[in-house]
Amino acid sequence: MIHFLYNYFLTRKPLKKANRVNHWLHWQLYKYLKVNLVAHYKTVSINSLEVDDASTIIVSLTSFPGRIDVVYLAIRSILNQTLKPKKIVLWLGKDQFPLGEEELPQALLELIPLGLDIEFCEDIGAHTKYYYAFQKYPDNLIVTVDDDIIYPTQMLSRLMETHHKHPHCVVANRIRYMEIKDHHIKPYRQWKINIVGSSNPSKMLFATGVGGVLYQPRFFQDSFFDLEGIKKTNCIGDDVWLKAGQIASGIPVVFTDFYFEQFLEIPESQKETLFSKNVFDNDNDRQVKEVFEYFGITEKSFD
C-alpha cells in the first residue's frame, strides 16, 4: 500500500484549479509518506532486496560523513525496484573515510551481499557520483542517484522504457527547460521544471540528478573527463558539468514525463546540502556561465 500511495503522490497531475480540500488532502498524504516511507525502509526485510546479474544497469552514487548513517535507506529503495540493476556502487572519499569499511554503519555493510559495491576513491565532491563509474563501466548503462532520496519502485523501469524509445539520449525523470533570451541563457531559477511542450528530446532540457538519470558513458567525449577543468571552473554542481559534456558531445536529453512531484527526501539527511548555495545564492548561474565558456558552448551549440 505504501508504494501505491507514493506512486500516486508522484504521478498525480496538478489540478489547474485545485481547491482548499485538494490542497489539504495532498498535504496530508505528503506528511504521511514523509514519515511512513522512511519507517518502511528502516524495517523492511533485507531478504526482499536484490539485484539482477543479467541487467545492464549500474546504479552509482556517492555520500559523505554527514549522511553515511542514512544512505542505506536510499540504497534499500534502489534494491527494491521492480526492474533490478546489475549492482549498486557507492563511491566514498578516502580522506573522508580513512579507516575504510571499519567506520561504516552496519546497516550499510549488510547490503554488500545483496549487490552493493563500496569503492574508496579521491573525493571530487558531487562529481564522485558519476566520474569513476563512467570510466570503470563504459559499456554499461549508468543511472546516477542521490544519497538523500527514497526512490519510487518504478524509477528504473521508467528510465529504461524511455531509453528503449530514445536510445541515443540521456534519460531523466526530472528536468528543467533552459531558455535563451537575447542570446543569453536565462537565470537558473527561471527554468521551468518538468515542462517540455514539444521539445522532447532536446538539448535545451537540463537533467537534474535528484530524480535519477540514465547515461551511456561511451557517448561522452574525452574532454568531459577533464578533472582540472572541473577544478578550474570551481564547478560544484555535477549536473552543470554533465550538461556541458552532453552538449559538447551532441547528446540530447529526453524526459520520461511520468513523475510530477519531486521524490521525497530522507528527513535526517537534510542537515547538509548544496541546494541553498547553488540556487538561492545564484551560484548555478555562475557555474553555467563559466563551465559553458570553458567547453566553448554557444547558442548554436543547442541546434
Protein backbone atom coordinates (compact mmCIF):
# COMPACT_ATOMS: atom_id res chain seq x y z
CA MET A 1 0.00 0.00 0.00
CA ILE A 2 2.80 2.44 0.88
CA HIS A 3 4.33 2.10 -2.61
CA PHE A 4 0.94 2.57 -4.28
CA LEU A 5 0.36 5.79 -2.32
CA TYR A 6 3.87 7.07 -3.09
CA ASN A 7 3.40 6.40 -6.79
CA TYR A 8 0.01 8.13 -6.72
CA PHE A 9 1.50 11.14 -4.94
CA LEU A 10 4.31 11.47 -7.50
CA THR A 11 2.32 10.85 -10.69
CA ARG A 12 -0.90 12.74 -9.98
CA LYS A 13 -1.03 15.72 -12.33
CA PRO A 14 -1.54 19.05 -10.54
CA LEU A 15 -5.08 20.36 -10.89
CA LYS A 16 -5.41 23.66 -12.74
CA LYS A 17 -7.96 24.88 -10.19
CA ALA A 18 -7.20 22.99 -7.01
CA ASN A 19 -9.42 23.97 -4.09
CA ARG A 20 -8.55 24.05 -0.40
CA VAL A 21 -9.77 20.49 0.14
CA ASN A 22 -7.48 19.17 -2.61
CA HIS A 23 -4.54 21.09 -1.18
CA TRP A 24 -5.29 19.77 2.31
CA LEU A 25 -5.56 16.15 1.11
CA HIS A 26 -2.32 16.49 -0.85
CA TRP A 27 -0.56 17.92 2.20
CA GLN A 28 -1.87 15.14 4.45
CA LEU A 29 -0.62 12.49 2.01
CA TYR A 30 2.76 14.20 1.86
CA LYS A 31 3.07 14.19 5.66
CA TYR A 32 2.00 10.54 5.86
CA LEU A 33 4.55 9.47 3.25
CA LYS A 34 7.33 11.57 4.77
CA VAL A 35 7.08 9.55 7.98
CA ASN A 36 5.97 6.14 6.81
CA LEU A 37 8.21 5.67 3.75
CA VAL A 38 11.30 6.07 5.89
CA ALA A 39 9.80 3.82 8.57
CA HIS A 40 9.08 1.19 5.92
CA TYR A 41 12.65 1.10 4.63
CA LYS A 42 14.09 1.09 8.14
CA THR A 43 12.20 -2.12 8.90
CA VAL A 44 11.91 -3.84 5.51
CA SER A 45 13.30 -7.37 5.40
CA ILE A 46 16.60 -7.35 3.53
CA ASN A 47 15.67 -10.79 2.18
CA SER A 48 13.25 -8.99 -0.16
CA LEU A 49 16.01 -6.80 -1.64
CA GLU A 50 18.12 -7.93 -4.59
CA VAL A 51 19.89 -7.18 -7.87
CA ASP A 52 19.90 -8.96 -11.23
CA ASP A 53 23.24 -10.19 -12.59
CA ALA A 54 21.80 -10.21 -16.11
CA SER A 55 20.93 -6.50 -16.01
CA THR A 56 22.97 -3.89 -17.92
CA ILE A 57 22.18 -1.13 -15.39
CA ILE A 58 24.68 0.01 -12.80
CA VAL A 59 23.40 2.50 -10.23
CA SER A 60 26.06 4.91 -9.00
CA LEU A 61 26.02 7.34 -6.08
CA THR A 62 28.27 8.99 -3.54
CA SER A 63 27.93 10.11 0.07
CA PHE A 64 29.88 11.78 2.86
CA PRO A 65 30.16 11.54 6.67
CA GLY A 66 27.15 13.78 7.28
CA ARG A 67 24.83 11.31 5.53
CA ILE A 68 26.61 7.99 5.85
CA ASP A 69 24.25 6.84 8.60
CA VAL A 70 21.15 7.24 6.41
CA VAL A 71 22.38 6.49 2.87
CA TYR A 72 21.41 2.84 3.38
CA LEU A 73 17.75 3.92 3.14
CA ALA A 74 18.26 5.34 -0.36
CA ILE A 75 20.13 2.18 -1.38
CA ARG A 76 17.41 -0.08 0.01
CA SER A 77 14.88 1.78 -2.15
CA ILE A 78 17.06 1.02 -5.21
CA LEU A 79 17.32 -2.65 -4.26
CA ASN A 80 13.52 -2.69 -4.06
CA GLN A 81 12.96 -1.60 -7.68
CA THR A 82 10.59 -3.54 -9.93
CA LEU A 83 13.41 -3.53 -12.52
CA LYS A 84 16.58 -4.66 -10.78
CA PRO A 85 20.03 -3.18 -11.51
CA LYS A 86 23.13 -5.30 -12.02
CA LYS A 87 24.75 -3.69 -8.99
CA ILE A 88 24.87 -0.50 -6.95
CA VAL A 89 28.21 1.24 -6.49
CA LEU A 90 28.73 3.67 -3.61
CA TRP A 91 31.82 5.85 -4.07
CA LEU A 92 33.35 7.24 -0.88
CA GLY A 93 36.27 9.64 -0.47
CA LYS A 94 39.39 8.05 1.01
CA ASP A 95 40.19 11.17 3.05
CA GLN A 96 36.66 11.29 4.47
CA PHE A 97 36.72 7.61 5.47
CA PRO A 98 40.39 6.88 6.27
CA LEU A 99 39.53 3.63 8.09
CA GLY A 100 37.60 2.28 5.13
CA GLU A 101 34.75 -0.10 5.87
CA GLU A 102 35.69 -0.22 9.56
CA GLU A 103 33.95 3.11 10.18
CA LEU A 104 30.83 2.43 8.10
CA PRO A 105 27.48 1.61 9.78
CA GLN A 106 26.34 -1.99 9.91
CA ALA A 107 23.06 -1.11 8.18
CA LEU A 108 25.13 -0.16 5.13
CA LEU A 109 27.60 -3.05 5.26
CA GLU A 110 24.82 -5.64 5.40
CA LEU A 111 23.77 -4.57 1.90
CA ILE A 112 27.06 -5.70 0.33
CA PRO A 113 25.96 -9.35 -0.10
CA LEU A 114 22.77 -8.08 -1.75
CA GLY A 115 24.55 -6.28 -4.60
CA LEU A 116 26.20 -3.18 -3.13
CA ASP A 117 29.83 -2.40 -4.00
CA ILE A 118 31.66 0.18 -1.88
CA GLU A 119 34.62 1.84 -3.62
CA PHE A 120 37.06 4.25 -1.96
CA CYS A 121 38.49 6.95 -4.22
CA GLU A 122 39.70 10.53 -4.39
CA ASP A 123 36.80 12.73 -3.35
CA ILE A 124 35.79 15.22 -6.06
CA GLY A 125 32.57 16.40 -4.46
CA ALA A 126 29.31 15.77 -6.26
CA HIS A 127 31.25 14.62 -9.35
CA THR A 128 32.29 11.49 -7.45
CA LYS A 129 28.77 10.22 -8.16
CA TYR A 130 29.44 9.62 -11.88
CA TYR A 131 33.12 10.29 -12.67
CA TYR A 132 34.62 6.95 -11.70
CA ALA A 133 31.61 4.85 -12.72
CA PHE A 134 31.68 6.26 -16.27
CA GLN A 135 35.31 5.20 -16.65
CA LYS A 136 35.10 1.82 -14.92
CA TYR A 137 31.88 0.74 -16.66
CA PRO A 138 31.96 2.46 -20.10
CA ASP A 139 29.78 -0.16 -21.81
CA ASN A 140 27.04 -0.28 -19.19
CA LEU A 141 24.05 1.95 -18.65
CA ILE A 142 24.83 4.14 -15.64
CA VAL A 143 21.99 5.54 -13.55
CA THR A 144 23.05 8.19 -11.06
CA VAL A 145 21.01 8.80 -7.92
CA ASP A 146 21.30 10.93 -4.79
CA ASP A 147 22.09 9.67 -1.31
CA ASP A 148 19.23 11.51 0.42
CA ILE A 149 16.19 10.32 -1.57
CA ILE A 150 13.67 7.50 -1.18
CA TYR A 151 13.13 6.34 -4.77
CA PRO A 152 9.78 5.01 -6.02
CA THR A 153 9.81 1.36 -7.05
CA GLN A 154 9.29 2.12 -10.76
CA MET A 155 12.08 4.70 -11.07
CA LEU A 156 14.46 2.46 -13.03
CA SER A 157 11.76 0.89 -15.18
CA ARG A 158 10.53 4.34 -16.29
CA LEU A 159 14.05 5.34 -17.28
CA MET A 160 14.53 2.12 -19.24
CA GLU A 161 11.19 2.35 -21.05
CA THR A 162 12.13 5.81 -22.31
CA HIS A 163 15.69 4.68 -23.09
CA HIS A 164 14.36 1.99 -25.42
CA LYS A 165 12.37 4.65 -27.30
CA HIS A 166 15.28 7.12 -27.41
CA PRO A 167 18.50 5.06 -27.24
CA HIS A 168 20.84 7.94 -28.11
CA CYS A 169 19.70 10.29 -25.34
CA VAL A 170 20.36 10.96 -21.70
CA VAL A 171 17.13 9.99 -19.91
CA ALA A 172 15.84 11.92 -16.88
CA ASN A 173 12.88 11.66 -14.52
CA ARG A 174 13.20 15.34 -13.63
CA ILE A 175 14.31 18.20 -15.85
CA ARG A 176 14.42 21.95 -16.20
CA TYR A 177 13.86 23.64 -19.53
CA MET A 178 16.70 26.03 -20.32
CA GLU A 179 15.65 29.21 -22.06
CA ILE A 180 17.67 31.65 -24.14
CA LYS A 181 16.63 35.29 -24.44
CA ASP A 182 18.55 37.95 -26.36
CA HIS A 183 21.34 35.40 -26.96
CA HIS A 184 21.81 34.79 -23.23
CA ILE A 185 20.72 31.87 -21.08
CA LYS A 186 18.08 32.93 -18.57
CA PRO A 187 18.85 32.54 -14.82
CA TYR A 188 18.56 29.00 -13.47
CA ARG A 189 15.63 29.84 -11.20
CA GLN A 190 13.58 30.84 -14.26
CA TRP A 191 13.97 27.47 -15.98
CA LYS A 192 10.62 25.67 -15.89
CA ILE A 193 10.53 22.31 -14.09
CA ASN A 194 9.18 19.24 -15.92
CA ILE A 195 7.56 21.31 -18.68
CA VAL A 196 8.82 20.49 -22.16
CA GLY A 197 5.98 21.05 -24.64
CA SER A 198 7.03 19.60 -27.99
CA SER A 199 10.74 19.89 -27.15
CA ASN A 200 11.34 16.32 -26.03
CA PRO A 201 14.03 15.15 -26.58
CA SER A 202 16.07 18.34 -26.78
CA LYS A 203 19.48 19.79 -25.97
CA MET A 204 17.59 22.51 -24.09
CA LEU A 205 16.50 20.06 -21.40
CA PHE A 206 18.66 20.09 -18.28
CA ALA A 207 18.61 16.79 -16.36
CA THR A 208 18.58 17.15 -12.58
CA GLY A 209 20.17 14.24 -10.75
CA VAL A 210 17.73 14.08 -7.86
CA GLY A 211 15.20 12.17 -9.98
CA GLY A 212 17.62 9.57 -11.30
CA VAL A 213 19.35 10.00 -14.67
CA LEU A 214 20.39 7.32 -17.17
CA TYR A 215 23.66 7.80 -19.09
CA GLN A 216 25.72 5.91 -21.64
CA PRO A 217 29.35 6.80 -20.82
CA ARG A 218 30.67 5.83 -24.27
CA PHE A 219 28.76 8.75 -25.82
CA PHE A 220 30.86 11.34 -23.96
CA GLN A 221 33.98 12.87 -25.49
CA ASP A 222 37.32 12.53 -23.69
CA SER A 223 37.26 16.24 -22.81
CA PHE A 224 34.37 15.52 -20.45
CA PHE A 225 36.76 13.74 -18.05
CA ASP A 226 38.96 16.83 -17.63
CA LEU A 227 39.33 16.88 -13.86
CA GLU A 228 41.47 20.03 -13.99
CA GLY A 229 38.66 21.78 -15.84
CA ILE A 230 36.21 20.91 -13.06
CA LYS A 231 38.60 22.42 -10.53
CA LYS A 232 39.50 25.45 -12.66
CA THR A 233 35.85 26.44 -13.15
CA ASN A 234 35.02 25.65 -9.50
CA CYS A 235 32.10 23.58 -10.78
CA ILE A 236 30.40 22.41 -7.60
CA GLY A 237 27.26 21.05 -9.25
CA ASP A 238 27.70 17.79 -11.14
CA ASP A 239 24.54 18.47 -13.16
CA VAL A 240 26.16 21.54 -14.75
CA TRP A 241 29.34 19.74 -15.82
CA LEU A 242 27.30 16.79 -17.08
CA LYS A 243 25.11 19.13 -19.15
CA ALA A 244 28.12 20.83 -20.70
CA GLY A 245 29.57 17.42 -21.53
CA GLN A 246 26.30 16.39 -23.16
CA ILE A 247 26.14 19.50 -25.35
CA ALA A 248 29.80 19.22 -26.34
CA SER A 249 29.23 15.56 -27.26
CA GLY A 250 25.97 16.25 -29.12
CA ILE A 251 23.77 14.29 -26.70
CA PRO A 252 20.16 15.46 -26.22
CA VAL A 253 18.12 14.84 -23.07
CA VAL A 254 14.74 13.13 -23.03
CA PHE A 255 12.24 13.50 -20.18
CA THR A 256 10.26 10.45 -19.03
CA ASP A 257 7.25 12.71 -18.40
CA PHE A 258 5.90 10.42 -15.71
CA TYR A 259 6.56 12.00 -12.31
CA PHE A 260 5.11 15.41 -11.44
CA GLU A 261 6.29 15.77 -7.85
CA GLN A 262 9.85 15.72 -6.55
CA PHE A 263 10.90 12.50 -4.86
CA LEU A 264 10.84 12.60 -1.06
CA GLU A 265 13.99 13.34 0.87
CA ILE A 266 15.16 11.37 3.89
CA PRO A 267 14.46 13.84 6.74
CA GLU A 268 17.65 13.08 8.69
CA SER A 269 19.78 13.78 5.60
CA GLN A 270 18.96 17.46 5.10
CA LYS A 271 21.33 18.95 7.65
CA GLU A 272 23.94 19.46 4.94
CA THR A 273 23.01 20.40 1.38
CA LEU A 274 24.36 22.34 -1.60
CA PHE A 275 20.89 23.30 -2.83
CA SER A 276 20.61 26.62 -0.99
CA LYS A 277 24.08 27.71 -2.07
CA ASN A 278 23.61 26.75 -5.71
CA VAL A 279 20.08 28.06 -6.23
CA PHE A 280 19.39 30.79 -3.71
CA ASP A 281 22.87 32.31 -3.92
CA ASN A 282 22.66 32.12 -7.74
CA ASP A 283 25.83 30.01 -7.86
CA ASN A 284 24.28 27.78 -10.52
CA ASP A 285 24.24 30.78 -12.87
CA ARG A 286 27.95 31.40 -12.31
CA GLN A 287 28.74 27.74 -12.87
CA VAL A 288 26.67 27.53 -16.06
CA LYS A 289 28.38 30.63 -17.46
CA GLU A 290 31.94 29.58 -16.61
CA VAL A 291 31.60 25.89 -17.48
CA PHE A 292 29.84 26.57 -20.79
CA GLU A 293 32.55 29.08 -21.70
CA TYR A 294 35.20 26.51 -20.77
CA PHE A 295 33.63 24.00 -23.18
CA GLY A 296 33.19 26.67 -25.86
CA ILE A 297 29.40 26.29 -25.82
CA THR A 298 27.46 28.98 -27.69
CA GLU A 299 23.84 29.48 -28.70
CA LYS A 300 24.48 27.49 -31.88
CA SER A 301 25.58 24.50 -29.79
CA PHE A 302 21.93 23.90 -28.88
CA ASP A 303 20.78 23.50 -32.51
